[in-house]
Amino acid sequence: MKMKVALTALVLTAAFTATVQAGEFIPAAGFGSQYGDLGGKFIYRENNMALYVGVGSNGAAVGFHLAPSVSSQHVFGAQYASESDVFDADSLLLATYDYHFNGFNGRGWTLGGGLGTAEHQNGRREGDNKTVAVLNVGYKF
């Protein structure tokens, strides 16, 4: 069921970004909840805002980034991720912060984290939520 929600969000995000013409599409790869644990992220960026879909070895994610300006290195956002083996969760809902070494509009390394809630799996009661912190490391091409 959770994977259906993630796939629906992926399709809706793709449909939305296909209709927008002013921005740019950026591929990225990395580790963390934004990248489906270990995988890729497809970003649509326009001015100081970005929408993304991440798919990886163990999960998927959808989210957005918002920077104070296009050249800012500090980026804030929110994310929903599903099926994370690294964070032992069925789903994650996070507030995120990322540091873009070459600025929000540049290519290169990003380092960030998130804080939020996770619905845990593996022996815990169904629907058992816990606060979780995550780490994301990636490269924008």
Protein backbone atom coordinates (compact mmCIF):
# COMPACT_ATOMS: atom_id res chain seq x y z
CA MET A 1 0.00 0.00 0.00
CA LYS A 2 2.79 2.45 0.89
CA MET A 3 4.55 1.73 -2.40
CA LYS A 4 1.31 2.58 -4.26
CA VAL A 5 1.27 5.97 -2.51
CA ALA A 6 4.89 6.60 -3.51
CA LEU A 7 4.26 5.55 -7.11
CA THR A 8 1.17 7.75 -7.30
CA ALA A 9 3.19 10.70 -5.99
CA LEU A 10 5.91 9.91 -8.55
CA VAL A 11 3.41 9.94 -11.43
CA LEU A 12 1.78 13.18 -10.23
CA THR A 13 5.15 14.88 -9.83
CA ALA A 14 6.23 13.76 -13.29
CA ALA A 15 2.97 14.98 -14.83
CA PHE A 16 3.30 18.36 -13.10
CA THR A 17 6.89 18.88 -14.15
CA ALA A 18 6.14 17.88 -17.75
CA THR A 19 3.76 20.84 -18.02
CA VAL A 20 6.23 23.41 -16.71
CA GLN A 21 8.65 24.86 -19.26
CA ALA A 22 10.75 27.54 -17.51
CA GLY A 23 12.95 25.37 -15.29
CA GLU A 24 15.62 22.74 -15.78
CA PHE A 25 15.90 19.03 -15.06
CA ILE A 26 18.92 17.82 -13.09
CA PRO A 27 19.98 14.23 -12.37
CA ALA A 28 21.67 13.40 -9.09
CA ALA A 29 22.97 10.29 -7.33
CA GLY A 30 23.68 9.58 -3.72
CA PHE A 31 22.99 7.92 -0.39
CA GLY A 32 20.15 8.68 2.01
CA SER A 33 16.40 8.88 2.17
CA GLN A 34 16.23 11.39 -0.73
CA TYR A 35 17.87 8.77 -2.97
CA GLY A 36 15.85 5.70 -1.92
CA ASP A 37 18.72 4.71 0.42
CA LEU A 38 21.25 4.32 -2.44
CA GLY A 39 20.23 5.49 -5.90
CA GLY A 40 19.29 8.43 -8.05
CA LYS A 41 17.24 11.58 -7.81
CA PHE A 42 15.55 13.44 -10.67
CA ILE A 43 15.17 17.15 -9.86
CA TYR A 44 13.09 19.82 -11.55
CA ARG A 45 14.49 23.24 -10.54
CA GLU A 46 12.99 26.64 -11.26
CA ASN A 47 14.51 29.78 -9.71
CA ASN A 48 15.00 29.06 -6.01
CA MET A 49 12.59 26.08 -5.78
CA ALA A 50 12.95 22.43 -6.76
CA LEU A 51 10.76 19.33 -6.83
CA TYR A 52 12.33 15.89 -6.85
CA VAL A 53 11.69 12.18 -7.12
CA GLY A 54 14.27 9.74 -5.82
CA VAL A 55 14.40 6.01 -6.50
CA GLY A 56 16.97 3.63 -5.14
CA SER A 57 17.93 0.16 -4.08
CA ASN A 58 15.47 -0.01 -1.18
CA GLY A 59 12.90 2.74 -1.54
CA ALA A 60 11.55 5.88 -3.13
CA ALA A 61 11.08 9.53 -2.16
CA VAL A 62 9.29 12.69 -3.26
CA GLY A 63 9.97 16.14 -1.94
CA PHE A 64 10.80 19.78 -2.52
CA HIS A 65 13.68 22.17 -1.84
CA LEU A 66 13.47 25.91 -1.24
CA ALA A 67 16.56 28.16 -1.14
CA PRO A 68 16.68 31.82 0.01
CA SER A 69 18.20 32.66 -3.41
CA VAL A 70 19.41 30.76 -6.49
CA SER A 71 23.05 31.14 -5.41
CA SER A 72 22.46 30.19 -1.77
CA GLN A 73 24.26 27.15 -0.40
CA HIS A 74 21.60 26.61 2.28
CA VAL A 75 18.46 24.78 1.17
CA PHE A 76 15.38 23.81 3.20
CA GLY A 77 12.56 21.44 2.32
CA ALA A 78 10.28 18.52 3.10
CA GLN A 79 10.19 14.93 1.99
CA TYR A 80 8.11 11.75 2.04
CA ALA A 81 10.02 8.49 1.61
CA SER A 82 8.88 4.88 1.60
CA GLU A 83 10.43 1.48 2.23
CA SER A 84 13.78 2.51 3.74
CA ASP A 85 15.91 -0.46 4.85
CA VAL A 86 18.72 1.82 6.05
CA PHE A 87 16.38 3.63 8.45
CA ASP A 88 14.28 0.49 9.18
CA ALA A 89 11.04 2.21 8.21
CA ASP A 90 7.96 1.66 6.09
CA SER A 91 7.65 5.41 5.57
CA LEU A 92 9.36 8.66 6.55
CA LEU A 93 8.00 12.21 6.70
CA LEU A 94 10.84 14.72 7.15
CA ALA A 95 11.81 18.37 7.28
CA THR A 96 15.15 18.64 5.47
CA TYR A 97 18.23 20.85 5.28
CA ASP A 98 20.89 20.48 2.57
CA TYR A 99 24.18 22.28 2.02
CA HIS A 100 25.06 22.69 -1.67
CA PHE A 101 28.82 23.26 -1.91
CA ASN A 102 28.54 25.05 -5.31
CA GLY A 103 25.25 26.80 -4.55
CA PHE A 104 21.66 25.80 -5.22
CA ASN A 105 21.99 26.55 -8.95
CA GLY A 106 25.38 24.83 -9.31
CA ARG A 107 26.41 21.26 -9.95
CA GLY A 108 28.42 19.26 -7.44
CA TRP A 109 28.28 17.79 -3.96
CA THR A 110 25.44 18.17 -1.47
CA LEU A 111 25.38 17.19 2.19
CA GLY A 112 22.28 17.30 4.31
CA GLY A 113 19.95 15.74 6.76
CA GLY A 114 16.39 15.46 7.82
CA LEU A 115 14.38 15.26 11.01
CA GLY A 116 10.89 13.87 11.26
CA THR A 117 8.80 10.83 11.93
CA ALA A 118 9.15 7.24 10.76
CA GLU A 119 6.69 4.39 10.77
CA HIS A 120 8.88 1.46 11.74
CA GLN A 121 8.79 -2.15 10.59
CA ASN A 122 10.52 -5.40 11.70
CA GLY A 123 8.84 -6.51 14.90
CA ARG A 124 7.26 -3.24 15.92
CA ARG A 125 3.53 -2.72 16.19
CA GLU A 126 1.85 -1.66 12.91
CA GLY A 127 1.68 2.13 12.85
CA ASP A 128 4.32 2.57 15.58
CA ASN A 129 5.92 5.96 14.88
CA LYS A 130 9.24 7.26 16.15
CA THR A 131 11.32 10.41 15.67
CA VAL A 132 14.20 9.84 13.27
CA ALA A 133 17.18 11.78 11.91
CA VAL A 134 18.64 10.96 8.48
CA LEU A 135 21.78 11.82 6.52
CA ASN A 136 21.88 12.52 2.76
CA VAL A 137 25.03 12.74 0.64
CA GLY A 138 24.77 13.27 -3.11
CA TYR A 139 26.17 14.70 -6.31
CA LYS A 140 24.22 16.84 -8.82
CA PHE A 141 25.36 16.28 -12.42
